[in-house]
Amino acid sequence: MQRGALLDAARSLLSEGGTEALTFPALAERTGLARSSVYEYFRSRAAVVEELCAVDFPVWAAEVENAMEQATTPVGKIEAYVRRQLDLVSDRRHRAVVAISASELDAGAREKIRAAHGGLIAMIVEALGDLGHEQPRLAAMLLQGSVDAAVRRIELGVAEEPAVIADTTAAMVLRGVQGVPD
């Protein structure tokens, strides 16, 4: 239960203030634990983030997968893949994981995050193959790059509404994967 409370506090801290906000004193204050108690659960900030990824990323991926399962065509699956990820940007589980760059994590944590992202990309490879792409894995990675760029744009809080960014990204990706000219 304490570990869950610490992870919840970490999500909040990362969502509210980014990496600078995630400190062991802040975790202790948010949970009412002694600072030394926090160290009993996690050895470092990277360990906190690694566990957040291990707990939250599968939930996030399952939501994307569920959205894709509702679609009946390869194009519908691709659109669901893009839109669900962009819908999840406002979810604090996602904001927390994005708040820490991979360069601040140890090699083990970076590898776990890479593997989790690889699983996400694998979800879309089949739909791209069904559309006839000769290199569906490459196409999936490029498609995910578009989603990642849209995520960053939404997180910046730019002038466009998140729905406009999502619509534009989905339209661009769908035109691209179907080979439809502008």
N, C-alpha and C. Protein backbone atom coordinates (compact mmCIF):
# COMPACT_ATOMS: atom_id res chain seq x y z
N MET A 1 0.82 -1.19 0.00
CA MET A 1 0.00 0.00 0.00
C MET A 1 0.88 1.26 0.00
N GLN A 2 1.96 1.24 0.78
CA GLN A 2 2.86 2.40 0.82
C GLN A 2 3.52 2.63 -0.54
N ARG A 3 3.91 1.51 -1.18
CA ARG A 3 4.54 1.61 -2.50
C ARG A 3 3.58 2.27 -3.49
N GLY A 4 2.32 1.87 -3.46
CA GLY A 4 1.30 2.47 -4.32
C GLY A 4 1.13 3.94 -4.04
N ALA A 5 1.14 4.31 -2.75
CA ALA A 5 1.02 5.72 -2.39
C ALA A 5 2.22 6.52 -2.89
N LEU A 6 3.40 5.93 -2.81
CA LEU A 6 4.60 6.60 -3.31
C LEU A 6 4.53 6.79 -4.83
N LEU A 7 4.06 5.77 -5.55
CA LEU A 7 3.94 5.88 -7.00
C LEU A 7 2.90 6.93 -7.37
N ASP A 8 1.81 6.96 -6.64
CA ASP A 8 0.78 7.97 -6.91
C ASP A 8 1.33 9.38 -6.66
N ALA A 9 2.08 9.53 -5.58
CA ALA A 9 2.70 10.83 -5.28
C ALA A 9 3.70 11.20 -6.37
N ALA A 10 4.46 10.22 -6.84
CA ALA A 10 5.44 10.48 -7.91
C ALA A 10 4.75 10.93 -9.19
N ARG A 11 3.63 10.28 -9.53
CA ARG A 11 2.87 10.70 -10.72
C ARG A 11 2.45 12.16 -10.60
N SER A 12 1.92 12.50 -9.43
CA SER A 12 1.46 13.87 -9.21
C SER A 12 2.62 14.86 -9.31
N LEU A 13 3.72 14.55 -8.65
CA LEU A 13 4.87 15.45 -8.67
C LEU A 13 5.40 15.65 -10.09
N LEU A 14 5.54 14.56 -10.83
CA LEU A 14 6.04 14.66 -12.20
C LEU A 14 5.07 15.43 -13.08
N SER A 15 3.78 15.18 -12.91
CA SER A 15 2.77 15.87 -13.72
C SER A 15 2.74 17.35 -13.42
N GLU A 16 2.91 17.70 -12.17
CA GLU A 16 2.81 19.10 -11.75
C GLU A 16 4.07 19.90 -12.01
N GLY A 17 5.24 19.27 -11.77
CA GLY A 17 6.46 20.05 -11.81
C GLY A 17 7.62 19.46 -12.58
N GLY A 18 7.38 18.36 -13.28
CA GLY A 18 8.47 17.75 -14.05
C GLY A 18 9.49 17.08 -13.17
N THR A 19 10.64 16.82 -13.76
CA THR A 19 11.67 16.04 -13.06
C THR A 19 12.20 16.72 -11.81
N GLU A 20 12.26 18.05 -11.83
CA GLU A 20 12.79 18.76 -10.67
C GLU A 20 11.92 18.54 -9.43
N ALA A 21 10.65 18.32 -9.66
CA ALA A 21 9.71 18.15 -8.54
C ALA A 21 9.80 16.77 -7.90
N LEU A 22 10.33 15.80 -8.62
CA LEU A 22 10.41 14.44 -8.09
C LEU A 22 11.67 14.29 -7.24
N THR A 23 11.49 14.52 -5.96
CA THR A 23 12.58 14.35 -5.00
C THR A 23 12.09 13.46 -3.88
N PHE A 24 13.01 12.85 -3.19
CA PHE A 24 12.61 11.99 -2.09
C PHE A 24 11.98 12.79 -0.94
N PRO A 25 12.48 13.99 -0.63
CA PRO A 25 11.77 14.79 0.39
C PRO A 25 10.33 15.11 -0.02
N ALA A 26 10.12 15.41 -1.30
CA ALA A 26 8.76 15.72 -1.76
C ALA A 26 7.88 14.47 -1.69
N LEU A 27 8.43 13.31 -2.07
CA LEU A 27 7.68 12.06 -1.96
C LEU A 27 7.30 11.79 -0.50
N ALA A 28 8.25 12.02 0.39
CA ALA A 28 7.99 11.80 1.82
C ALA A 28 6.89 12.74 2.31
N GLU A 29 6.97 13.99 1.91
CA GLU A 29 5.96 14.96 2.34
C GLU A 29 4.57 14.60 1.81
N ARG A 30 4.49 14.22 0.53
CA ARG A 30 3.20 13.88 -0.08
C ARG A 30 2.56 12.65 0.56
N THR A 31 3.39 11.71 1.00
CA THR A 31 2.85 10.45 1.52
C THR A 31 2.80 10.41 3.05
N GLY A 32 3.42 11.38 3.69
CA GLY A 32 3.45 11.38 5.14
C GLY A 32 4.47 10.40 5.72
N LEU A 33 5.35 9.91 4.87
CA LEU A 33 6.40 9.00 5.32
C LEU A 33 7.65 9.77 5.69
N ALA A 34 8.48 9.15 6.47
CA ALA A 34 9.79 9.73 6.74
C ALA A 34 10.64 9.57 5.47
N ARG A 35 11.53 10.51 5.25
CA ARG A 35 12.38 10.45 4.06
C ARG A 35 13.14 9.13 3.98
N SER A 36 13.62 8.66 5.12
CA SER A 36 14.35 7.39 5.14
C SER A 36 13.47 6.22 4.71
N SER A 37 12.18 6.32 4.96
CA SER A 37 11.25 5.26 4.55
C SER A 37 11.13 5.18 3.04
N VAL A 38 11.21 6.33 2.38
CA VAL A 38 11.12 6.34 0.92
C VAL A 38 12.27 5.52 0.34
N TYR A 39 13.46 5.65 0.94
CA TYR A 39 14.63 4.91 0.46
C TYR A 39 14.47 3.41 0.67
N GLU A 40 13.61 2.99 1.56
CA GLU A 40 13.36 1.55 1.74
C GLU A 40 12.63 0.98 0.54
N TYR A 41 11.87 1.82 -0.18
CA TYR A 41 11.11 1.35 -1.32
C TYR A 41 11.84 1.57 -2.65
N PHE A 42 12.57 2.68 -2.76
CA PHE A 42 13.25 3.02 -4.01
C PHE A 42 14.65 3.53 -3.72
N ARG A 43 15.61 3.09 -4.52
CA ARG A 43 17.00 3.49 -4.30
C ARG A 43 17.35 4.82 -4.97
N SER A 44 16.50 5.22 -5.99
CA SER A 44 16.81 6.44 -6.73
C SER A 44 15.55 6.94 -7.45
N ARG A 45 15.65 8.15 -7.99
CA ARG A 45 14.55 8.67 -8.82
C ARG A 45 14.34 7.78 -10.03
N ALA A 46 15.44 7.30 -10.61
CA ALA A 46 15.33 6.42 -11.77
C ALA A 46 14.54 5.16 -11.42
N ALA A 47 14.73 4.64 -10.22
CA ALA A 47 14.00 3.44 -9.80
C ALA A 47 12.51 3.74 -9.67
N VAL A 48 12.18 4.94 -9.22
CA VAL A 48 10.76 5.34 -9.14
C VAL A 48 10.17 5.37 -10.54
N VAL A 49 10.87 6.01 -11.47
CA VAL A 49 10.38 6.14 -12.83
C VAL A 49 10.30 4.77 -13.50
N GLU A 50 11.28 3.93 -13.26
CA GLU A 50 11.27 2.58 -13.83
C GLU A 50 10.03 1.82 -13.37
N GLU A 51 9.70 1.93 -12.11
CA GLU A 51 8.51 1.24 -11.61
C GLU A 51 7.23 1.87 -12.16
N LEU A 52 7.20 3.20 -12.28
CA LEU A 52 6.04 3.84 -12.89
C LEU A 52 5.82 3.30 -14.30
N CYS A 53 6.89 3.18 -15.05
CA CYS A 53 6.78 2.65 -16.41
C CYS A 53 6.29 1.21 -16.39
N ALA A 54 6.83 0.41 -15.47
CA ALA A 54 6.43 -1.00 -15.39
C ALA A 54 4.96 -1.14 -15.02
N VAL A 55 4.44 -0.24 -14.19
CA VAL A 55 3.05 -0.31 -13.75
C VAL A 55 2.11 0.38 -14.74
N ASP A 56 2.47 1.56 -15.20
CA ASP A 56 1.55 2.38 -15.98
C ASP A 56 1.57 2.09 -17.48
N PHE A 57 2.73 1.77 -18.03
CA PHE A 57 2.78 1.58 -19.47
C PHE A 57 1.89 0.44 -19.95
N PRO A 58 1.86 -0.70 -19.27
CA PRO A 58 0.95 -1.77 -19.73
C PRO A 58 -0.52 -1.34 -19.73
N VAL A 59 -0.91 -0.52 -18.78
CA VAL A 59 -2.29 -0.03 -18.73
C VAL A 59 -2.56 0.85 -19.93
N TRP A 60 -1.62 1.74 -20.20
CA TRP A 60 -1.74 2.65 -21.34
C TRP A 60 -1.78 1.86 -22.65
N ALA A 61 -0.87 0.89 -22.80
CA ALA A 61 -0.83 0.07 -24.01
C ALA A 61 -2.12 -0.72 -24.18
N ALA A 62 -2.67 -1.22 -23.08
CA ALA A 62 -3.93 -1.98 -23.16
C ALA A 62 -5.06 -1.10 -23.64
N GLU A 63 -5.06 0.16 -23.24
CA GLU A 63 -6.10 1.08 -23.71
C GLU A 63 -5.98 1.32 -25.22
N VAL A 64 -4.77 1.43 -25.71
CA VAL A 64 -4.56 1.60 -27.14
C VAL A 64 -5.00 0.33 -27.87
N GLU A 65 -4.60 -0.81 -27.34
CA GLU A 65 -4.96 -2.09 -27.96
C GLU A 65 -6.48 -2.29 -27.97
N ASN A 66 -7.14 -1.95 -26.88
CA ASN A 66 -8.60 -2.07 -26.84
C ASN A 66 -9.27 -1.19 -27.88
N ALA A 67 -8.77 0.01 -28.06
CA ALA A 67 -9.33 0.90 -29.08
C ALA A 67 -9.13 0.31 -30.47
N MET A 68 -7.97 -0.28 -30.70
CA MET A 68 -7.70 -0.89 -32.00
C MET A 68 -8.60 -2.10 -32.25
N GLU A 69 -8.88 -2.86 -31.22
CA GLU A 69 -9.73 -4.05 -31.36
C GLU A 69 -11.16 -3.69 -31.76
N GLN A 70 -11.58 -2.47 -31.45
CA GLN A 70 -12.93 -2.04 -31.81
C GLN A 70 -13.06 -1.75 -33.30
N ALA A 71 -11.94 -1.49 -33.95
CA ALA A 71 -11.94 -1.17 -35.38
C ALA A 71 -12.00 -2.46 -36.20
N THR A 72 -12.60 -2.38 -37.36
CA THR A 72 -12.78 -3.58 -38.19
C THR A 72 -11.91 -3.60 -39.44
N THR A 73 -11.24 -2.48 -39.73
CA THR A 73 -10.38 -2.42 -40.92
C THR A 73 -8.98 -2.00 -40.50
N PRO A 74 -7.98 -2.30 -41.34
CA PRO A 74 -6.63 -1.85 -41.03
C PRO A 74 -6.54 -0.33 -40.86
N VAL A 75 -7.22 0.41 -41.72
CA VAL A 75 -7.21 1.87 -41.61
C VAL A 75 -7.86 2.30 -40.30
N GLY A 76 -8.95 1.67 -39.92
CA GLY A 76 -9.61 1.98 -38.66
C GLY A 76 -8.72 1.68 -37.46
N LYS A 77 -7.96 0.58 -37.54
CA LYS A 77 -7.04 0.23 -36.46
C LYS A 77 -5.93 1.27 -36.32
N ILE A 78 -5.43 1.73 -37.46
CA ILE A 78 -4.37 2.75 -37.44
C ILE A 78 -4.91 4.04 -36.85
N GLU A 79 -6.10 4.43 -37.27
CA GLU A 79 -6.69 5.66 -36.73
C GLU A 79 -6.92 5.54 -35.23
N ALA A 80 -7.41 4.39 -34.78
CA ALA A 80 -7.63 4.18 -33.35
C ALA A 80 -6.30 4.24 -32.58
N TYR A 81 -5.26 3.67 -33.15
CA TYR A 81 -3.92 3.68 -32.55
C TYR A 81 -3.44 5.12 -32.33
N VAL A 82 -3.60 5.94 -33.35
CA VAL A 82 -3.16 7.34 -33.27
C VAL A 82 -4.02 8.11 -32.28
N ARG A 83 -5.31 8.05 -32.47
CA ARG A 83 -6.22 8.87 -31.65
C ARG A 83 -6.20 8.48 -30.18
N ARG A 84 -6.14 7.19 -29.88
CA ARG A 84 -6.16 6.80 -28.46
C ARG A 84 -4.90 7.27 -27.75
N GLN A 85 -3.76 7.17 -28.43
CA GLN A 85 -2.53 7.67 -27.81
C GLN A 85 -2.63 9.16 -27.53
N LEU A 86 -3.17 9.91 -28.49
CA LEU A 86 -3.27 11.35 -28.30
C LEU A 86 -4.32 11.70 -27.25
N ASP A 87 -5.36 10.89 -27.12
CA ASP A 87 -6.35 11.09 -26.05
C ASP A 87 -5.70 10.89 -24.67
N LEU A 88 -4.75 9.97 -24.61
CA LEU A 88 -4.14 9.62 -23.32
C LEU A 88 -3.10 10.64 -22.85
N VAL A 89 -2.77 11.60 -23.71
CA VAL A 89 -1.76 12.60 -23.33
C VAL A 89 -2.17 13.33 -22.05
N SER A 90 -3.45 13.56 -21.87
CA SER A 90 -3.89 14.28 -20.68
C SER A 90 -3.92 13.40 -19.43
N ASP A 91 -3.77 12.09 -19.60
CA ASP A 91 -3.76 11.17 -18.47
C ASP A 91 -2.46 11.38 -17.68
N ARG A 92 -2.57 11.55 -16.37
CA ARG A 92 -1.36 11.86 -15.60
C ARG A 92 -0.37 10.72 -15.56
N ARG A 93 -0.82 9.48 -15.82
CA ARG A 93 0.14 8.37 -15.91
C ARG A 93 1.09 8.62 -17.06
N HIS A 94 0.54 9.09 -18.17
CA HIS A 94 1.37 9.36 -19.34
C HIS A 94 2.26 10.57 -19.09
N ARG A 95 1.70 11.63 -18.56
CA ARG A 95 2.49 12.85 -18.30
C ARG A 95 3.65 12.54 -17.36
N ALA A 96 3.42 11.69 -16.39
CA ALA A 96 4.48 11.38 -15.44
C ALA A 96 5.64 10.67 -16.11
N VAL A 97 5.34 9.70 -16.96
CA VAL A 97 6.40 8.95 -17.62
C VAL A 97 7.15 9.83 -18.61
N VAL A 98 6.45 10.69 -19.32
CA VAL A 98 7.08 11.57 -20.30
C VAL A 98 7.95 12.63 -19.63
N ALA A 99 7.64 12.97 -18.39
CA ALA A 99 8.31 14.07 -17.71
C ALA A 99 9.81 13.84 -17.52
N ILE A 100 10.23 12.61 -17.50
CA ILE A 100 11.66 12.34 -17.31
C ILE A 100 12.25 11.84 -18.61
N SER A 101 13.27 12.49 -19.07
CA SER A 101 13.91 12.06 -20.32
C SER A 101 14.73 10.81 -20.08
N ALA A 102 14.91 10.03 -21.11
CA ALA A 102 15.64 8.77 -21.01
C ALA A 102 17.07 8.99 -20.54
N SER A 103 17.65 10.15 -20.81
CA SER A 103 19.04 10.38 -20.42
C SER A 103 19.23 10.45 -18.91
N GLU A 104 18.16 10.66 -18.17
CA GLU A 104 18.27 10.73 -16.72
C GLU A 104 18.11 9.37 -16.06
N LEU A 105 17.83 8.35 -16.84
CA LEU A 105 17.59 7.03 -16.29
C LEU A 105 18.81 6.14 -16.47
N ASP A 106 18.91 5.14 -15.60
CA ASP A 106 20.00 4.19 -15.77
C ASP A 106 19.71 3.29 -16.97
N ALA A 107 20.70 2.53 -17.38
CA ALA A 107 20.57 1.71 -18.60
C ALA A 107 19.41 0.73 -18.49
N GLY A 108 19.21 0.13 -17.34
CA GLY A 108 18.11 -0.83 -17.17
C GLY A 108 16.76 -0.19 -17.37
N ALA A 109 16.58 1.00 -16.82
CA ALA A 109 15.30 1.70 -16.96
C ALA A 109 15.07 2.10 -18.42
N ARG A 110 16.11 2.60 -19.08
CA ARG A 110 15.99 2.98 -20.49
C ARG A 110 15.62 1.78 -21.34
N GLU A 111 16.20 0.62 -21.05
CA GLU A 111 15.91 -0.59 -21.82
C GLU A 111 14.47 -1.04 -21.61
N LYS A 112 13.97 -0.93 -20.40
CA LYS A 112 12.57 -1.31 -20.14
C LYS A 112 11.61 -0.38 -20.89
N ILE A 113 11.93 0.90 -20.92
CA ILE A 113 11.08 1.85 -21.64
C ILE A 113 11.13 1.56 -23.13
N ARG A 114 12.33 1.29 -23.66
CA ARG A 114 12.45 0.93 -25.08
C ARG A 114 11.63 -0.31 -25.42
N ALA A 115 11.71 -1.31 -24.56
CA ALA A 115 10.95 -2.55 -24.79
C ALA A 115 9.45 -2.28 -24.77
N ALA A 116 9.01 -1.45 -23.84
CA ALA A 116 7.58 -1.12 -23.76
C ALA A 116 7.13 -0.39 -25.02
N HIS A 117 7.94 0.56 -25.51
CA HIS A 117 7.59 1.26 -26.73
C HIS A 117 7.62 0.31 -27.93
N GLY A 118 8.55 -0.64 -27.90
CA GLY A 118 8.60 -1.63 -28.97
C GLY A 118 7.32 -2.44 -29.03
N GLY A 119 6.76 -2.77 -27.86
CA GLY A 119 5.49 -3.49 -27.80
C GLY A 119 4.36 -2.66 -28.36
N LEU A 120 4.39 -1.38 -28.11
CA LEU A 120 3.36 -0.48 -28.64
C LEU A 120 3.44 -0.43 -30.17
N ILE A 121 4.63 -0.30 -30.69
CA ILE A 121 4.82 -0.25 -32.14
C ILE A 121 4.40 -1.57 -32.78
N ALA A 122 4.69 -2.69 -32.11
CA ALA A 122 4.32 -4.00 -32.65
C ALA A 122 2.81 -4.11 -32.88
N MET A 123 2.02 -3.37 -32.10
CA MET A 123 0.57 -3.43 -32.25
C MET A 123 0.10 -2.98 -33.63
N ILE A 124 0.82 -2.09 -34.25
CA ILE A 124 0.37 -1.49 -35.49
C ILE A 124 1.00 -2.12 -36.72
N VAL A 125 2.03 -2.93 -36.53
CA VAL A 125 2.73 -3.55 -37.66
C VAL A 125 1.78 -4.40 -38.51
N GLU A 126 0.94 -5.20 -37.89
CA GLU A 126 0.04 -6.07 -38.64
C GLU A 126 -0.91 -5.26 -39.53
N ALA A 127 -1.48 -4.20 -38.97
CA ALA A 127 -2.40 -3.38 -39.77
C ALA A 127 -1.68 -2.75 -40.96
N LEU A 128 -0.45 -2.33 -40.76
CA LEU A 128 0.32 -1.75 -41.87
C LEU A 128 0.65 -2.82 -42.91
N GLY A 129 0.95 -4.03 -42.45
CA GLY A 129 1.19 -5.14 -43.37
C GLY A 129 -0.06 -5.46 -44.17
N ASP A 130 -1.22 -5.42 -43.49
CA ASP A 130 -2.49 -5.68 -44.19
C ASP A 130 -2.77 -4.64 -45.26
N LEU A 131 -2.21 -3.44 -45.09
CA LEU A 131 -2.39 -2.40 -46.12
C LEU A 131 -1.39 -2.56 -47.27
N GLY A 132 -0.49 -3.52 -47.15
CA GLY A 132 0.45 -3.79 -48.23
C GLY A 132 1.80 -3.11 -48.11
N HIS A 133 2.12 -2.56 -46.96
CA HIS A 133 3.44 -1.94 -46.80
C HIS A 133 4.52 -3.00 -46.88
N GLU A 134 5.53 -2.73 -47.68
CA GLU A 134 6.63 -3.68 -47.84
C GLU A 134 7.49 -3.77 -46.58
N GLN A 135 7.56 -2.69 -45.83
CA GLN A 135 8.34 -2.67 -44.59
C GLN A 135 7.44 -2.15 -43.46
N PRO A 136 6.51 -2.97 -43.00
CA PRO A 136 5.54 -2.50 -42.01
C PRO A 136 6.17 -2.08 -40.68
N ARG A 137 7.26 -2.70 -40.28
CA ARG A 137 7.90 -2.30 -39.01
C ARG A 137 8.49 -0.90 -39.13
N LEU A 138 9.15 -0.64 -40.23
CA LEU A 138 9.69 0.71 -40.46
C LEU A 138 8.56 1.72 -40.53
N ALA A 139 7.50 1.38 -41.27
CA ALA A 139 6.36 2.28 -41.37
C ALA A 139 5.75 2.53 -39.98
N ALA A 140 5.72 1.50 -39.13
CA ALA A 140 5.17 1.65 -37.78
C ALA A 140 6.03 2.60 -36.95
N MET A 141 7.34 2.49 -37.08
CA MET A 141 8.21 3.39 -36.32
C MET A 141 8.06 4.83 -36.79
N LEU A 142 7.92 5.03 -38.09
CA LEU A 142 7.72 6.38 -38.62
C LEU A 142 6.37 6.94 -38.21
N LEU A 143 5.35 6.09 -38.24
CA LEU A 143 4.02 6.49 -37.79
C LEU A 143 4.08 6.91 -36.31
N GLN A 144 4.77 6.12 -35.50
CA GLN A 144 4.89 6.45 -34.08
C GLN A 144 5.64 7.76 -33.89
N GLY A 145 6.58 8.04 -34.78
CA GLY A 145 7.28 9.33 -34.72
C GLY A 145 6.33 10.49 -34.90
N SER A 146 5.35 10.33 -35.78
CA SER A 146 4.34 11.37 -35.97
C SER A 146 3.49 11.53 -34.71
N VAL A 147 3.12 10.40 -34.11
CA VAL A 147 2.34 10.45 -32.87
C VAL A 147 3.16 11.13 -31.77
N ASP A 148 4.43 10.76 -31.67
CA ASP A 148 5.29 11.37 -30.64
C ASP A 148 5.41 12.88 -30.83
N ALA A 149 5.53 13.32 -32.09
CA ALA A 149 5.60 14.76 -32.36
C ALA A 149 4.30 15.45 -31.95
N ALA A 150 3.17 14.81 -32.22
CA ALA A 150 1.89 15.39 -31.83
C ALA A 150 1.76 15.43 -30.31
N VAL A 151 2.25 14.40 -29.63
CA VAL A 151 2.23 14.39 -28.16
C VAL A 151 3.01 15.58 -27.63
N ARG A 152 4.21 15.79 -28.16
CA ARG A 152 5.03 16.92 -27.70
C ARG A 152 4.31 18.24 -27.96
N ARG A 153 3.66 18.36 -29.09
CA ARG A 153 2.93 19.60 -29.43
C ARG A 153 1.80 19.84 -28.44
N ILE A 154 1.06 18.79 -28.11
CA ILE A 154 -0.03 18.92 -27.13
C ILE A 154 0.54 19.30 -25.77
N GLU A 155 1.62 18.66 -25.38
CA GLU A 155 2.20 18.92 -24.05
C GLU A 155 2.75 20.33 -23.93
N LEU A 156 3.16 20.92 -25.05
CA LEU A 156 3.66 22.29 -25.01
C LEU A 156 2.55 23.30 -24.73
N GLY A 157 1.31 22.89 -24.94
CA GLY A 157 0.20 23.81 -24.73
C GLY A 157 0.18 24.92 -25.76
N VAL A 158 0.47 24.56 -27.00
CA VAL A 158 0.53 25.54 -28.08
C VAL A 158 -0.85 26.08 -28.41
N ALA A 159 -0.91 26.94 -29.40
CA ALA A 159 -2.16 27.63 -29.74
C ALA A 159 -3.26 26.68 -30.18
N GLU A 160 -2.91 25.60 -30.86
CA GLU A 160 -3.94 24.68 -31.34
C GLU A 160 -4.51 23.86 -30.18
N GLU A 161 -5.78 23.60 -30.30
CA GLU A 161 -6.45 22.73 -29.33
C GLU A 161 -5.95 21.30 -29.54
N PRO A 162 -5.89 20.49 -28.47
CA PRO A 162 -5.47 19.09 -28.63
C PRO A 162 -6.30 18.33 -29.67
N ALA A 163 -7.59 18.62 -29.77
CA ALA A 163 -8.44 17.94 -30.76
C ALA A 163 -8.00 18.28 -32.18
N VAL A 164 -7.57 19.51 -32.41
CA VAL A 164 -7.11 19.92 -33.74
C VAL A 164 -5.80 19.20 -34.06
N ILE A 165 -4.92 19.11 -33.08
CA ILE A 165 -3.65 18.40 -33.29
C ILE A 165 -3.93 16.93 -33.58
N ALA A 166 -4.86 16.32 -32.83
CA ALA A 166 -5.20 14.92 -33.05
C ALA A 166 -5.81 14.71 -34.43
N ASP A 167 -6.73 15.58 -34.82
CA ASP A 167 -7.37 15.45 -36.14
C ASP A 167 -6.35 15.60 -37.27
N THR A 168 -5.48 16.57 -37.14
CA THR A 168 -4.47 16.82 -38.17
C THR A 168 -3.49 15.65 -38.26
N THR A 169 -3.07 15.15 -37.10
CA THR A 169 -2.14 14.01 -37.09
C THR A 169 -2.78 12.78 -37.69
N ALA A 170 -4.01 12.48 -37.29
CA ALA A 170 -4.71 11.30 -37.82
C ALA A 170 -4.88 11.42 -39.33
N ALA A 171 -5.28 12.58 -39.81
CA ALA A 171 -5.47 12.77 -41.25
C ALA A 171 -4.16 12.60 -42.01
N MET A 172 -3.09 13.20 -41.49
CA MET A 172 -1.79 13.10 -42.14
C MET A 172 -1.30 11.65 -42.18
N VAL A 173 -1.40 10.97 -41.05
CA VAL A 173 -0.95 9.59 -40.98
C VAL A 173 -1.77 8.69 -41.90
N LEU A 174 -3.07 8.87 -41.88
CA LEU A 174 -3.93 8.02 -42.71
C LEU A 174 -3.66 8.24 -44.20
N ARG A 175 -3.46 9.49 -44.59
CA ARG A 175 -3.12 9.77 -45.99
C ARG A 175 -1.80 9.09 -46.33
N GLY A 176 -0.85 9.18 -45.41
CA GLY A 176 0.46 8.59 -45.64
C GLY A 176 0.44 7.08 -45.74
N VAL A 177 -0.25 6.42 -44.85
CA VAL A 177 -0.25 4.95 -44.86
C VAL A 177 -1.06 4.38 -46.01
N GLN A 178 -2.00 5.18 -46.53
CA GLN A 178 -2.81 4.72 -47.65
C GLN A 178 -2.25 5.18 -49.00
N GLY A 179 -1.20 6.02 -48.93
CA GLY A 179 -0.61 6.51 -50.18
C GLY A 179 -1.50 7.46 -50.94
N VAL A 180 -2.35 8.19 -50.22
CA VAL A 180 -3.26 9.14 -50.83
C VAL A 180 -2.59 10.50 -50.91
N PRO A 181 -2.47 11.08 -52.11
CA PRO A 181 -1.83 12.40 -52.22
C PRO A 181 -2.73 13.49 -51.63
N ASP A 182 -2.12 14.61 -51.26
CA ASP A 182 -2.88 15.76 -50.73
C ASP A 182 -3.82 16.33 -51.74
